[in-house]
Amino acid sequence: MKKTSVTRGGSNIFADLGLPDADEHMLKARVVLIIGKRIDQIGLTQQAAAKRMGITQPDVSNILRGRFEGFALERLLRFVRALGSDVEIKVKRPANDDGRKHHEGRMSLTTA
């Protein structure tokens, strides 16, 4: 019998895959989940959602199916707003910032 090893992934599949800009990819994916939930919450068809968002129905379909490479984070956040949700952006210092060491900041998303 062949042994198979399993490695537990982290909280960001894009980082686990070694993709550049992994935090941004994860953030965009989470925003797309919010878009899908919001469309369901307010009972919109993809056509009606597309009209509110100012895009075509095939674009809505692609976004909801995970094909959102051509959509900037800013544009995805505009779609969230067009669907009636508020967006709040917060910039903060890292918890262990001593001001001397270079630290690349992280991006995350909190939903309410």
PDB file of N, CA and C in Angstrom:
ATOM      1  N   MET A   1       0.836  -1.170   0.000  1.00  0.00           N
ATOM      2  CA  MET A   1       0.000   0.000   0.000  1.00  0.00           C
ATOM      3  C   MET A   1       0.893   1.249   0.000  1.00  0.00           C
ATOM      4  N   LYS A   2       0.562   2.191  -0.850  1.00  0.00           N
ATOM      5  CA  LYS A   2       1.332   3.438  -0.958  1.00  0.00           C
ATOM      6  C   LYS A   2       0.899   4.418   0.127  1.00  0.00           C
ATOM      7  N   LYS A   3       1.885   4.995   0.811  1.00  0.00           N
ATOM      8  CA  LYS A   3       1.591   5.989   1.846  1.00  0.00           C
ATOM      9  C   LYS A   3       1.382   7.349   1.218  1.00  0.00           C
ATOM     10  N   THR A   4       0.404   8.040   1.701  1.00  0.00           N
ATOM     11  CA  THR A   4       0.118   9.388   1.238  1.00  0.00           C
ATOM     12  C   THR A   4       0.317  10.350   2.395  1.00  0.00           C
ATOM     13  N   SER A   5       1.023  11.430   2.128  1.00  0.00           N
ATOM     14  CA  SER A   5       1.181  12.426   3.189  1.00  0.00           C
ATOM     15  C   SER A   5       0.201  13.567   2.953  1.00  0.00           C
ATOM     16  N   VAL A   6      -0.282  14.099   4.040  1.00  0.00           N
ATOM     17  CA  VAL A   6      -1.235  15.200   3.982  1.00  0.00           C
ATOM     18  C   VAL A   6      -0.646  16.361   4.759  1.00  0.00           C
ATOM     19  N   THR A   7      -0.716  17.534   4.150  1.00  0.00           N
ATOM     20  CA  THR A   7      -0.233  18.735   4.821  1.00  0.00           C
ATOM     21  C   THR A   7      -1.418  19.648   5.067  1.00  0.00           C
ATOM     22  N   ARG A   8      -1.585  20.044   6.312  1.00  0.00           N
ATOM     23  CA  ARG A   8      -2.684  20.953   6.649  1.00  0.00           C
ATOM     24  C   ARG A   8      -2.383  22.327   6.065  1.00  0.00           C
ATOM     25  N   GLY A   9      -3.355  22.898   5.393  1.00  0.00           N
ATOM     26  CA  GLY A   9      -3.194  24.211   4.808  1.00  0.00           C
ATOM     27  C   GLY A   9      -3.403  25.314   5.831  1.00  0.00           C
ATOM     28  N   GLY A  10      -3.045  26.490   5.437  1.00  0.00           N
ATOM     29  CA  GLY A  10      -3.255  27.651   6.296  1.00  0.00           C
ATOM     30  C   GLY A  10      -4.632  28.232   6.066  1.00  0.00           C
ATOM     31  N   SER A  11      -4.819  29.452   6.490  1.00  0.00           N
ATOM     32  CA  SER A  11      -6.128  30.089   6.340  1.00  0.00           C
ATOM     33  C   SER A  11      -6.292  30.773   4.983  1.00  0.00           C
ATOM     34  N   ASN A  12      -5.233  30.758   4.159  1.00  0.00           N
ATOM     35  CA  ASN A  12      -5.298  31.406   2.846  1.00  0.00           C
ATOM     36  C   ASN A  12      -4.791  30.430   1.791  1.00  0.00           C
ATOM     37  N   ILE A  13      -5.707  29.860   1.034  1.00  0.00           N
ATOM     38  CA  ILE A  13      -5.353  28.880   0.007  1.00  0.00           C
ATOM     39  C   ILE A  13      -4.408  29.476  -1.029  1.00  0.00           C
ATOM     40  N   PHE A  14      -4.556  30.771  -1.316  1.00  0.00           N
ATOM     41  CA  PHE A  14      -3.704  31.411  -2.315  1.00  0.00           C
ATOM     42  C   PHE A  14      -2.255  31.473  -1.831  1.00  0.00           C
ATOM     43  N   ALA A  15      -2.058  31.724  -0.542  1.00  0.00           N
ATOM     44  CA  ALA A  15      -0.707  31.704   0.034  1.00  0.00           C
ATOM     45  C   ALA A  15      -0.173  30.277   0.053  1.00  0.00           C
ATOM     46  N   ASP A  16      -1.036  29.311   0.385  1.00  0.00           N
ATOM     47  CA  ASP A  16      -0.625  27.911   0.396  1.00  0.00           C
ATOM     48  C   ASP A  16      -0.127  27.474  -0.982  1.00  0.00           C
ATOM     49  N   LEU A  17      -0.728  28.029  -2.018  1.00  0.00           N
ATOM     50  CA  LEU A  17      -0.324  27.696  -3.389  1.00  0.00           C
ATOM     51  C   LEU A  17       0.885  28.502  -3.855  1.00  0.00           C
ATOM     52  N   GLY A  18       1.334  29.443  -3.028  1.00  0.00           N
ATOM     53  CA  GLY A  18       2.509  30.247  -3.369  1.00  0.00           C
ATOM     54  C   GLY A  18       2.237  31.341  -4.389  1.00  0.00           C
ATOM     55  N   LEU A  19       0.980  31.751  -4.503  1.00  0.00           N
ATOM     56  CA  LEU A  19       0.644  32.789  -5.476  1.00  0.00           C
ATOM     57  C   LEU A  19       1.054  34.169  -4.960  1.00  0.00           C
ATOM     58  N   PRO A  20       1.504  35.034  -5.862  1.00  0.00           N
ATOM     59  CA  PRO A  20       1.809  36.406  -5.435  1.00  0.00           C
ATOM     60  C   PRO A  20       0.514  37.134  -5.083  1.00  0.00           C
ATOM     61  N   ASP A  21       0.602  38.114  -4.209  1.00  0.00           N
ATOM     62  CA  ASP A  21      -0.561  38.904  -3.794  1.00  0.00           C
ATOM     63  C   ASP A  21      -1.669  38.025  -3.199  1.00  0.00           C
ATOM     64  N   ALA A  22      -1.266  37.038  -2.418  1.00  0.00           N
ATOM     65  CA  ALA A  22      -2.211  36.075  -1.852  1.00  0.00           C
ATOM     66  C   ALA A  22      -3.265  36.746  -0.969  1.00  0.00           C
ATOM     67  N   ASP A  23      -2.848  37.747  -0.171  1.00  0.00           N
ATOM     68  CA  ASP A  23      -3.821  38.434   0.689  1.00  0.00           C
ATOM     69  C   ASP A  23      -4.903  39.107  -0.147  1.00  0.00           C
ATOM     70  N   GLU A  24      -4.497  39.750  -1.246  1.00  0.00           N
ATOM     71  CA  GLU A  24      -5.478  40.429  -2.098  1.00  0.00           C
ATOM     72  C   GLU A  24      -6.415  39.420  -2.763  1.00  0.00           C
ATOM     73  N   HIS A  25      -5.878  38.292  -3.224  1.00  0.00           N
ATOM     74  CA  HIS A  25      -6.737  37.262  -3.827  1.00  0.00           C
ATOM     75  C   HIS A  25      -7.771  36.767  -2.818  1.00  0.00           C
ATOM     76  N   MET A  26      -7.324  36.533  -1.596  1.00  0.00           N
ATOM     77  CA  MET A  26      -8.234  36.045  -0.561  1.00  0.00           C
ATOM     78  C   MET A  26      -9.292  37.090  -0.234  1.00  0.00           C
ATOM     79  N   LEU A  27      -8.864  38.333  -0.142  1.00  0.00           N
ATOM     80  CA  LEU A  27      -9.800  39.414   0.144  1.00  0.00           C
ATOM     81  C   LEU A  27     -10.854  39.518  -0.954  1.00  0.00           C
ATOM     82  N   LYS A  28     -10.424  39.460  -2.211  1.00  0.00           N
ATOM     83  CA  LYS A  28     -11.376  39.525  -3.323  1.00  0.00           C
ATOM     84  C   LYS A  28     -12.341  38.347  -3.284  1.00  0.00           C
ATOM     85  N   ALA A  29     -11.838  37.160  -2.972  1.00  0.00           N
ATOM     86  CA  ALA A  29     -12.706  35.979  -2.898  1.00  0.00           C
ATOM     87  C   ALA A  29     -13.757  36.157  -1.800  1.00  0.00           C
ATOM     88  N   ARG A  30     -13.353  36.706  -0.673  1.00  0.00           N
ATOM     89  CA  ARG A  30     -14.303  36.920   0.422  1.00  0.00           C
ATOM     90  C   ARG A  30     -15.333  37.991   0.053  1.00  0.00           C
ATOM     91  N   VAL A  31     -14.917  39.023  -0.675  1.00  0.00           N
ATOM     92  CA  VAL A  31     -15.859  40.054  -1.124  1.00  0.00           C
ATOM     93  C   VAL A  31     -16.869  39.441  -2.098  1.00  0.00           C
ATOM     94  N   VAL A  32     -16.406  38.562  -2.964  1.00  0.00           N
ATOM     95  CA  VAL A  32     -17.317  37.888  -3.895  1.00  0.00           C
ATOM     96  C   VAL A  32     -18.339  37.044  -3.136  1.00  0.00           C
ATOM     97  N   LEU A  33     -17.924  36.401  -2.061  1.00  0.00           N
ATOM     98  CA  LEU A  33     -18.883  35.644  -1.238  1.00  0.00           C
ATOM     99  C   LEU A  33     -19.947  36.572  -0.658  1.00  0.00           C
ATOM    100  N   ILE A  34     -19.532  37.751  -0.243  1.00  0.00           N
ATOM    101  CA  ILE A  34     -20.477  38.743   0.287  1.00  0.00           C
ATOM    102  C   ILE A  34     -21.456  39.174  -0.798  1.00  0.00           C
ATOM    103  N   ILE A  35     -20.946  39.394  -1.999  1.00  0.00           N
ATOM    104  CA  ILE A  35     -21.811  39.774  -3.127  1.00  0.00           C
ATOM    105  C   ILE A  35     -22.861  38.690  -3.363  1.00  0.00           C
ATOM    106  N   GLY A  36     -22.436  37.447  -3.403  1.00  0.00           N
ATOM    107  CA  GLY A  36     -23.373  36.337  -3.617  1.00  0.00           C
ATOM    108  C   GLY A  36     -24.415  36.242  -2.518  1.00  0.00           C
ATOM    109  N   LYS A  37     -23.986  36.372  -1.270  1.00  0.00           N
ATOM    110  CA  LYS A  37     -24.928  36.327  -0.142  1.00  0.00           C
ATOM    111  C   LYS A  37     -25.931  37.468  -0.227  1.00  0.00           C
ATOM    112  N   ARG A  38     -25.440  38.645  -0.573  1.00  0.00           N
ATOM    113  CA  ARG A  38     -26.321  39.825  -0.634  1.00  0.00           C
ATOM    114  C   ARG A  38     -27.362  39.653  -1.741  1.00  0.00           C
ATOM    115  N   ILE A  39     -26.941  39.141  -2.883  1.00  0.00           N
ATOM    116  CA  ILE A  39     -27.877  38.894  -3.985  1.00  0.00           C
ATOM    117  C   ILE A  39     -28.970  37.933  -3.521  1.00  0.00           C
ATOM    118  N   ASP A  40     -28.580  36.883  -2.807  1.00  0.00           N
ATOM    119  CA  ASP A  40     -29.560  35.919  -2.282  1.00  0.00           C
ATOM    120  C   ASP A  40     -30.469  36.556  -1.230  1.00  0.00           C
ATOM    121  N   GLN A  41     -29.871  37.351  -0.313  1.00  0.00           N
ATOM    122  CA  GLN A  41     -30.645  37.975   0.772  1.00  0.00           C
ATOM    123  C   GLN A  41     -31.763  38.852   0.244  1.00  0.00           C
ATOM    124  N   ILE A  42     -31.465  39.620  -0.794  1.00  0.00           N
ATOM    125  CA  ILE A  42     -32.494  40.540  -1.286  1.00  0.00           C
ATOM    126  C   ILE A  42     -33.296  39.947  -2.441  1.00  0.00           C
ATOM    127  N   GLY A  43     -33.015  38.674  -2.758  1.00  0.00           N
ATOM    128  CA  GLY A  43     -33.833  37.942  -3.720  1.00  0.00           C
ATOM    129  C   GLY A  43     -33.729  38.420  -5.155  1.00  0.00           C
ATOM    130  N   LEU A  44     -32.537  38.803  -5.565  1.00  0.00           N
ATOM    131  CA  LEU A  44     -32.350  39.284  -6.928  1.00  0.00           C
ATOM    132  C   LEU A  44     -31.979  38.148  -7.876  1.00  0.00           C
ATOM    133  N   THR A  45     -32.448  38.255  -9.101  1.00  0.00           N
ATOM    134  CA  THR A  45     -31.926  37.377 -10.151  1.00  0.00           C
ATOM    135  C   THR A  45     -30.564  37.935 -10.559  1.00  0.00           C
ATOM    136  N   GLN A  46     -29.804  37.149 -11.287  1.00  0.00           N
ATOM    137  CA  GLN A  46     -28.514  37.664 -11.772  1.00  0.00           C
ATOM    138  C   GLN A  46     -28.727  38.864 -12.689  1.00  0.00           C
ATOM    139  N   GLN A  47     -29.785  38.841 -13.454  1.00  0.00           N
ATOM    140  CA  GLN A  47     -30.077  39.966 -14.349  1.00  0.00           C
ATOM    141  C   GLN A  47     -30.359  41.238 -13.552  1.00  0.00           C
ATOM    142  N   ALA A  48     -31.178  41.125 -12.506  1.00  0.00           N
ATOM    143  CA  ALA A  48     -31.502  42.289 -11.675  1.00  0.00           C
ATOM    144  C   ALA A  48     -30.262  42.764 -10.917  1.00  0.00           C
ATOM    145  N   ALA A  49     -29.451  41.832 -10.439  1.00  0.00           N
ATOM    146  CA  ALA A  49     -28.212  42.200  -9.741  1.00  0.00           C
ATOM    147  C   ALA A  49     -27.271  42.928 -10.695  1.00  0.00           C
ATOM    148  N   ALA A  50     -27.179  42.429 -11.911  1.00  0.00           N
ATOM    149  CA  ALA A  50     -26.313  43.051 -12.916  1.00  0.00           C
ATOM    150  C   ALA A  50     -26.718  44.496 -13.164  1.00  0.00           C
ATOM    151  N   LYS A  51     -28.033  44.729 -13.247  1.00  0.00           N
ATOM    152  CA  LYS A  51     -28.527  46.090 -13.476  1.00  0.00           C
ATOM    153  C   LYS A  51     -28.123  47.011 -12.335  1.00  0.00           C
ATOM    154  N   ARG A  52     -28.294  46.542 -11.092  1.00  0.00           N
ATOM    155  CA  ARG A  52     -27.902  47.353  -9.925  1.00  0.00           C
ATOM    156  C   ARG A  52     -26.402  47.623  -9.900  1.00  0.00           C
ATOM    157  N   MET A  53     -25.633  46.619 -10.293  1.00  0.00           N
ATOM    158  CA  MET A  53     -24.185  46.709 -10.213  1.00  0.00           C
ATOM    159  C   MET A  53     -23.573  47.416 -11.425  1.00  0.00           C
ATOM    160  N   GLY A  54     -24.368  47.613 -12.473  1.00  0.00           N
ATOM    161  CA  GLY A  54     -23.878  48.303 -13.670  1.00  0.00           C
ATOM    162  C   GLY A  54     -22.992  47.438 -14.550  1.00  0.00           C
ATOM    163  N   ILE A  55     -23.242  46.122 -14.530  1.00  0.00           N
ATOM    164  CA  ILE A  55     -22.485  45.194 -15.371  1.00  0.00           C
ATOM    165  C   ILE A  55     -23.469  44.268 -16.071  1.00  0.00           C
ATOM    166  N   THR A  56     -22.961  43.343 -16.862  1.00  0.00           N
ATOM    167  CA  THR A  56     -23.835  42.409 -17.575  1.00  0.00           C
ATOM    168  C   THR A  56     -24.117  41.174 -16.723  1.00  0.00           C
ATOM    169  N   GLN A  57     -25.188  40.464 -17.061  1.00  0.00           N
ATOM    170  CA  GLN A  57     -25.515  39.224 -16.348  1.00  0.00           C
ATOM    171  C   GLN A  57     -24.399  38.191 -16.482  1.00  0.00           C
ATOM    172  N   PRO A  58     -23.788  38.028 -17.675  1.00  0.00           N
ATOM    173  CA  PRO A  58     -22.667  37.083 -17.751  1.00  0.00           C
ATOM    174  C   PRO A  58     -21.501  37.465 -16.814  1.00  0.00           C
ATOM    175  N   ASP A  59     -21.280  38.768 -16.603  1.00  0.00           N
ATOM    176  CA  ASP A  59     -20.245  39.188 -15.650  1.00  0.00           C
ATOM    177  C   ASP A  59     -20.612  38.767 -14.228  1.00  0.00           C
ATOM    178  N   VAL A  60     -21.889  38.930 -13.853  1.00  0.00           N
ATOM    179  CA  VAL A  60     -22.331  38.502 -12.528  1.00  0.00           C
ATOM    180  C   VAL A  60     -22.110  36.993 -12.389  1.00  0.00           C
ATOM    181  N   SER A  61     -22.488  36.237 -13.402  1.00  0.00           N
ATOM    182  CA  SER A  61     -22.315  34.788 -13.378  1.00  0.00           C
ATOM    183  C   SER A  61     -20.844  34.421 -13.193  1.00  0.00           C
ATOM    184  N   ASN A  62     -19.977  35.064 -13.953  1.00  0.00           N
ATOM    185  CA  ASN A  62     -18.537  34.782 -13.840  1.00  0.00           C
ATOM    186  C   ASN A  62     -18.004  35.108 -12.451  1.00  0.00           C
ATOM    187  N   ILE A  63     -18.394  36.249 -11.914  1.00  0.00           N
ATOM    188  CA  ILE A  63     -17.943  36.653 -10.583  1.00  0.00           C
ATOM    189  C   ILE A  63     -18.368  35.614  -9.554  1.00  0.00           C
ATOM    190  N   LEU A  64     -19.640  35.217  -9.598  1.00  0.00           N
ATOM    191  CA  LEU A  64     -20.160  34.279  -8.613  1.00  0.00           C
ATOM    192  C   LEU A  64     -19.586  32.876  -8.772  1.00  0.00           C
ATOM    193  N   ARG A  65     -19.045  32.569  -9.942  1.00  0.00           N
ATOM    194  CA  ARG A  65     -18.417  31.275 -10.183  1.00  0.00           C
ATOM    195  C   ARG A  65     -16.906  31.311  -9.929  1.00  0.00           C
ATOM    196  N   GLY A  66     -16.430  32.432  -9.355  1.00  0.00           N
ATOM    197  CA  GLY A  66     -15.016  32.523  -8.995  1.00  0.00           C
ATOM    198  C   GLY A  66     -14.113  33.040 -10.083  1.00  0.00           C
ATOM    199  N   ARG A  67     -14.685  33.546 -11.135  1.00  0.00           N
ATOM    200  CA  ARG A  67     -13.895  34.092 -12.244  1.00  0.00           C
ATOM    201  C   ARG A  67     -13.938  35.619 -12.168  1.00  0.00           C
ATOM    202  N   PHE A  68     -13.155  36.157 -11.256  1.00  0.00           N
ATOM    203  CA  PHE A  68     -13.189  37.604 -11.032  1.00  0.00           C
ATOM    204  C   PHE A  68     -11.818  38.241 -11.221  1.00  0.00           C
ATOM    205  N   GLU A  69     -10.922  37.577 -11.955  1.00  0.00           N
ATOM    206  CA  GLU A  69      -9.571  38.090 -12.160  1.00  0.00           C
ATOM    207  C   GLU A  69      -9.557  39.496 -12.739  1.00  0.00           C
ATOM    208  N   GLY A  70     -10.467  39.789 -13.632  1.00  0.00           N
ATOM    209  CA  GLY A  70     -10.483  41.081 -14.307  1.00  0.00           C
ATOM    210  C   GLY A  70     -11.137  42.199 -13.510  1.00  0.00           C
ATOM    211  N   PHE A  71     -11.546  41.907 -12.277  1.00  0.00           N
ATOM    212  CA  PHE A  71     -12.234  42.895 -11.455  1.00  0.00           C
ATOM    213  C   PHE A  71     -11.333  43.316 -10.298  1.00  0.00           C
ATOM    214  N   ALA A  72     -11.043  44.603 -10.244  1.00  0.00           N
ATOM    215  CA  ALA A  72     -10.222  45.140  -9.153  1.00  0.00           C
ATOM    216  C   ALA A  72     -11.009  45.092  -7.849  1.00  0.00           C
ATOM    217  N   LEU A  73     -10.286  45.029  -6.747  1.00  0.00           N
ATOM    218  CA  LEU A  73     -10.915  45.013  -5.427  1.00  0.00           C
ATOM    219  C   LEU A  73     -11.833  46.214  -5.259  1.00  0.00           C
ATOM    220  N   GLU A  74     -11.385  47.381  -5.682  1.00  0.00           N
ATOM    221  CA  GLU A  74     -12.198  48.592  -5.555  1.00  0.00           C
ATOM    222  C   GLU A  74     -13.537  48.430  -6.287  1.00  0.00           C
ATOM    223  N   ARG A  75     -13.503  47.838  -7.456  1.00  0.00           N
ATOM    224  CA  ARG A  75     -14.729  47.652  -8.228  1.00  0.00           C
ATOM    225  C   ARG A  75     -15.654  46.649  -7.536  1.00  0.00           C
ATOM    226  N   LEU A  76     -15.091  45.574  -7.001  1.00  0.00           N
ATOM    227  CA  LEU A  76     -15.907  44.603  -6.279  1.00  0.00           C
ATOM    228  C   LEU A  76     -16.570  45.249  -5.064  1.00  0.00           C
ATOM    229  N   LEU A  77     -15.840  46.129  -4.382  1.00  0.00           N
ATOM    230  CA  LEU A  77     -16.420  46.833  -3.234  1.00  0.00           C
ATOM    231  C   LEU A  77     -17.539  47.778  -3.680  1.00  0.00           C
ATOM    232  N   ARG A  78     -17.410  48.362  -4.859  1.00  0.00           N
ATOM    233  CA  ARG A  78     -18.503  49.190  -5.395  1.00  0.00           C
ATOM    234  C   ARG A  78     -19.752  48.346  -5.616  1.00  0.00           C
ATOM    235  N   PHE A  79     -19.570  47.100  -6.066  1.00  0.00           N
ATOM    236  CA  PHE A  79     -20.710  46.206  -6.267  1.00  0.00           C
ATOM    237  C   PHE A  79     -21.403  45.918  -4.935  1.00  0.00           C
ATOM    238  N   VAL A  80     -20.623  45.720  -3.883  1.00  0.00           N
ATOM    239  CA  VAL A  80     -21.191  45.493  -2.550  1.00  0.00           C
ATOM    240  C   VAL A  80     -22.065  46.682  -2.165  1.00  0.00           C
ATOM    241  N   ARG A  81     -21.562  47.878  -2.396  1.00  0.00           N
ATOM    242  CA  ARG A  81     -22.332  49.096  -2.078  1.00  0.00           C
ATOM    243  C   ARG A  81     -23.579  49.206  -2.949  1.00  0.00           C
ATOM    244  N   ALA A  82     -23.461  48.876  -4.228  1.00  0.00           N
ATOM    245  CA  ALA A  82     -24.606  48.951  -5.135  1.00  0.00           C
ATOM    246  C   ALA A  82     -25.718  47.995  -4.699  1.00  0.00           C
ATOM    247  N   LEU A  83     -25.332  46.945  -3.980  1.00  0.00           N
ATOM    248  CA  LEU A  83     -26.317  45.983  -3.487  1.00  0.00           C
ATOM    249  C   LEU A  83     -26.834  46.353  -2.102  1.00  0.00           C
ATOM    250  N   GLY A  84     -26.466  47.549  -1.626  1.00  0.00           N
ATOM    251  CA  GLY A  84     -27.058  48.086  -0.407  1.00  0.00           C
ATOM    252  C   GLY A  84     -26.281  47.884   0.876  1.00  0.00           C
ATOM    253  N   SER A  85     -25.072  47.372   0.804  1.00  0.00           N
ATOM    254  CA  SER A  85     -24.274  47.190   2.021  1.00  0.00           C
ATOM    255  C   SER A  85     -23.276  48.330   2.167  1.00  0.00           C
ATOM    256  N   ASP A  86     -22.952  48.651   3.405  1.00  0.00           N
ATOM    257  CA  ASP A  86     -21.930  49.652   3.688  1.00  0.00           C
ATOM    258  C   ASP A  86     -20.560  48.989   3.675  1.00  0.00           C
ATOM    259  N   VAL A  87     -19.552  49.750   3.276  1.00  0.00           N
ATOM    260  CA  VAL A  87     -18.169  49.274   3.280  1.00  0.00           C
ATOM    261  C   VAL A  87     -17.362  50.237   4.132  1.00  0.00           C
ATOM    262  N   GLU A  88     -16.624  49.690   5.073  1.00  0.00           N
ATOM    263  CA  GLU A  88     -15.776  50.500   5.938  1.00  0.00           C
ATOM    264  C   GLU A  88     -14.350  49.986   5.799  1.00  0.00           C
ATOM    265  N   ILE A  89     -13.405  50.882   5.517  1.00  0.00           N
ATOM    266  CA  ILE A  89     -12.003  50.503   5.371  1.00  0.00           C
ATOM    267  C   ILE A  89     -11.232  51.090   6.536  1.00  0.00           C
ATOM    268  N   LYS A  90     -10.433  50.259   7.181  1.00  0.00           N
ATOM    269  CA  LYS A  90      -9.695  50.675   8.364  1.00  0.00           C
ATOM    270  C   LYS A  90      -8.215  50.372   8.158  1.00  0.00           C
ATOM    271  N   VAL A  91      -7.361  51.352   8.368  1.00  0.00           N
ATOM    272  CA  VAL A  91      -5.919  51.164   8.287  1.00  0.00           C
ATOM    273  C   VAL A  91      -5.371  51.321   9.695  1.00  0.00           C
ATOM    274  N   LYS A  92      -4.552  50.355  10.133  1.00  0.00           N
ATOM    275  CA  LYS A  92      -4.034  50.408  11.493  1.00  0.00           C
ATOM    276  C   LYS A  92      -2.584  49.941  11.529  1.00  0.00           C
ATOM    277  N   ARG A  93      -1.914  50.268  12.624  1.00  0.00           N
ATOM    278  CA  ARG A  93      -0.546  49.808  12.843  1.00  0.00           C
ATOM    279  C   ARG A  93      -0.581  48.347  13.253  1.00  0.00           C
ATOM    280  N   PRO A  94       0.475  47.609  12.921  1.00  0.00           N
ATOM    281  CA  PRO A  94       0.528  46.230  13.419  1.00  0.00           C
ATOM    282  C   PRO A  94       0.673  46.217  14.932  1.00  0.00           C
ATOM    283  N   ALA A  95       0.170  45.180  15.569  1.00  0.00           N
ATOM    284  CA  ALA A  95       0.167  45.094  17.032  1.00  0.00           C
ATOM    285  C   ALA A  95       1.566  45.171  17.633  1.00  0.00           C
ATOM    286  N   ASN A  96       2.561  44.597  16.963  1.00  0.00           N
ATOM    287  CA  ASN A  96       3.920  44.581  17.516  1.00  0.00           C
ATOM    288  C   ASN A  96       4.846  45.554  16.777  1.00  0.00           C
ATOM    289  N   ASP A  97       4.339  46.706  16.408  1.00  0.00           N
ATOM    290  CA  ASP A  97       5.114  47.696  15.654  1.00  0.00           C
ATOM    291  C   ASP A  97       6.067  48.451  16.577  1.00  0.00           C
ATOM    292  N   ASP A  98       7.355  48.217  16.370  1.00  0.00           N
ATOM    293  CA  ASP A  98       8.337  48.967  17.155  1.00  0.00           C
ATOM    294  C   ASP A  98       8.937  50.108  16.340  1.00  0.00           C
ATOM    295  N   GLY A  99       8.491  50.250  15.099  1.00  0.00           N
ATOM    296  CA  GLY A  99       8.926  51.365  14.264  1.00  0.00           C
ATOM    297  C   GLY A  99      10.282  51.195  13.614  1.00  0.00           C
ATOM    298  N   ARG A 100      11.027  50.149  13.954  1.00  0.00           N
ATOM    299  CA  ARG A 100      12.384  49.987  13.420  1.00  0.00           C
ATOM    300  C   ARG A 100      12.456  48.964  12.297  1.00  0.00           C
ATOM    301  N   LYS A 101      11.721  47.916  12.392  1.00  0.00           N
ATOM    302  CA  LYS A 101      11.825  46.809  11.457  1.00  0.00           C
ATOM    303  C   LYS A 101      10.800  46.979  10.326  1.00  0.00           C
ATOM    304  N   HIS A 102      11.238  46.686   9.084  1.00  0.00           N
ATOM    305  CA  HIS A 102      10.305  46.752   7.954  1.00  0.00           C
ATOM    306  C   HIS A 102       9.297  45.612   8.067  1.00  0.00           C
ATOM    307  N   HIS A 103       8.050  45.957   7.947  1.00  0.00           N
ATOM    308  CA  HIS A 103       6.980  44.962   8.035  1.00  0.00           C
ATOM    309  C   HIS A 103       5.990  45.249   6.930  1.00  0.00           C
ATOM    310  N   GLU A 104       5.758  44.264   6.070  1.00  0.00           N
ATOM    311  CA  GLU A 104       4.731  44.442   5.050  1.00  0.00           C
ATOM    312  C   GLU A 104       3.394  44.178   5.688  1.00  0.00           C
ATOM    313  N   GLY A 105       2.492  45.123   5.547  1.00  0.00           N
ATOM    314  CA  GLY A 105       1.181  44.996   6.164  1.00  0.00           C
ATOM    315  C   GLY A 105       0.356  43.873   5.554  1.00  0.00           C
ATOM    316  N   ARG A 106      -0.685  43.490   6.264  1.00  0.00           N
ATOM    317  CA  ARG A 106      -1.598  42.457   5.829  1.00  0.00           C
ATOM    318  C   ARG A 106      -2.933  43.078   5.466  1.00  0.00           C
ATOM    319  N   MET A 107      -3.706  42.349   4.695  1.00  0.00           N
ATOM    320  CA  MET A 107      -5.071  42.770   4.387  1.00  0.00           C
ATOM    321  C   MET A 107      -6.006  41.684   4.898  1.00  0.00           C
ATOM    322  N   SER A 108      -7.105  42.121   5.483  1.00  0.00           N
ATOM    323  CA  SER A 108      -8.096  41.173   5.967  1.00  0.00           C
ATOM    324  C   SER A 108      -9.471  41.813   5.831  1.00  0.00           C
ATOM    325  N   LEU A 109     -10.484  41.014   6.049  1.00  0.00           N
ATOM    326  CA  LEU A 109     -11.862  41.471   5.912  1.00  0.00           C
ATOM    327  C   LEU A 109     -12.653  41.010   7.115  1.00  0.00           C
ATOM    328  N   THR A 110     -13.383  41.919   7.702  1.00  0.00           N
ATOM    329  CA  THR A 110     -14.280  41.602   8.802  1.00  0.00           C
ATOM    330  C   THR A 110     -15.683  41.933   8.343  1.00  0.00           C
ATOM    331  N   THR A 111     -16.605  41.015   8.540  1.00  0.00           N
ATOM    332  CA  THR A 111     -17.989  41.280   8.152  1.00  0.00           C
ATOM    333  C   THR A 111     -18.851  41.404   9.401  1.00  0.00           C
ATOM    334  N   ALA A 112     -19.894  42.179   9.257  1.00  0.00           N
ATOM    335  CA  ALA A 112     -20.802  42.375  10.395  1.00  0.00           C
ATOM    336  C   ALA A 112     -22.163  41.794  10.078  1.00  0.00           C
TER     337      ALA A 112
END
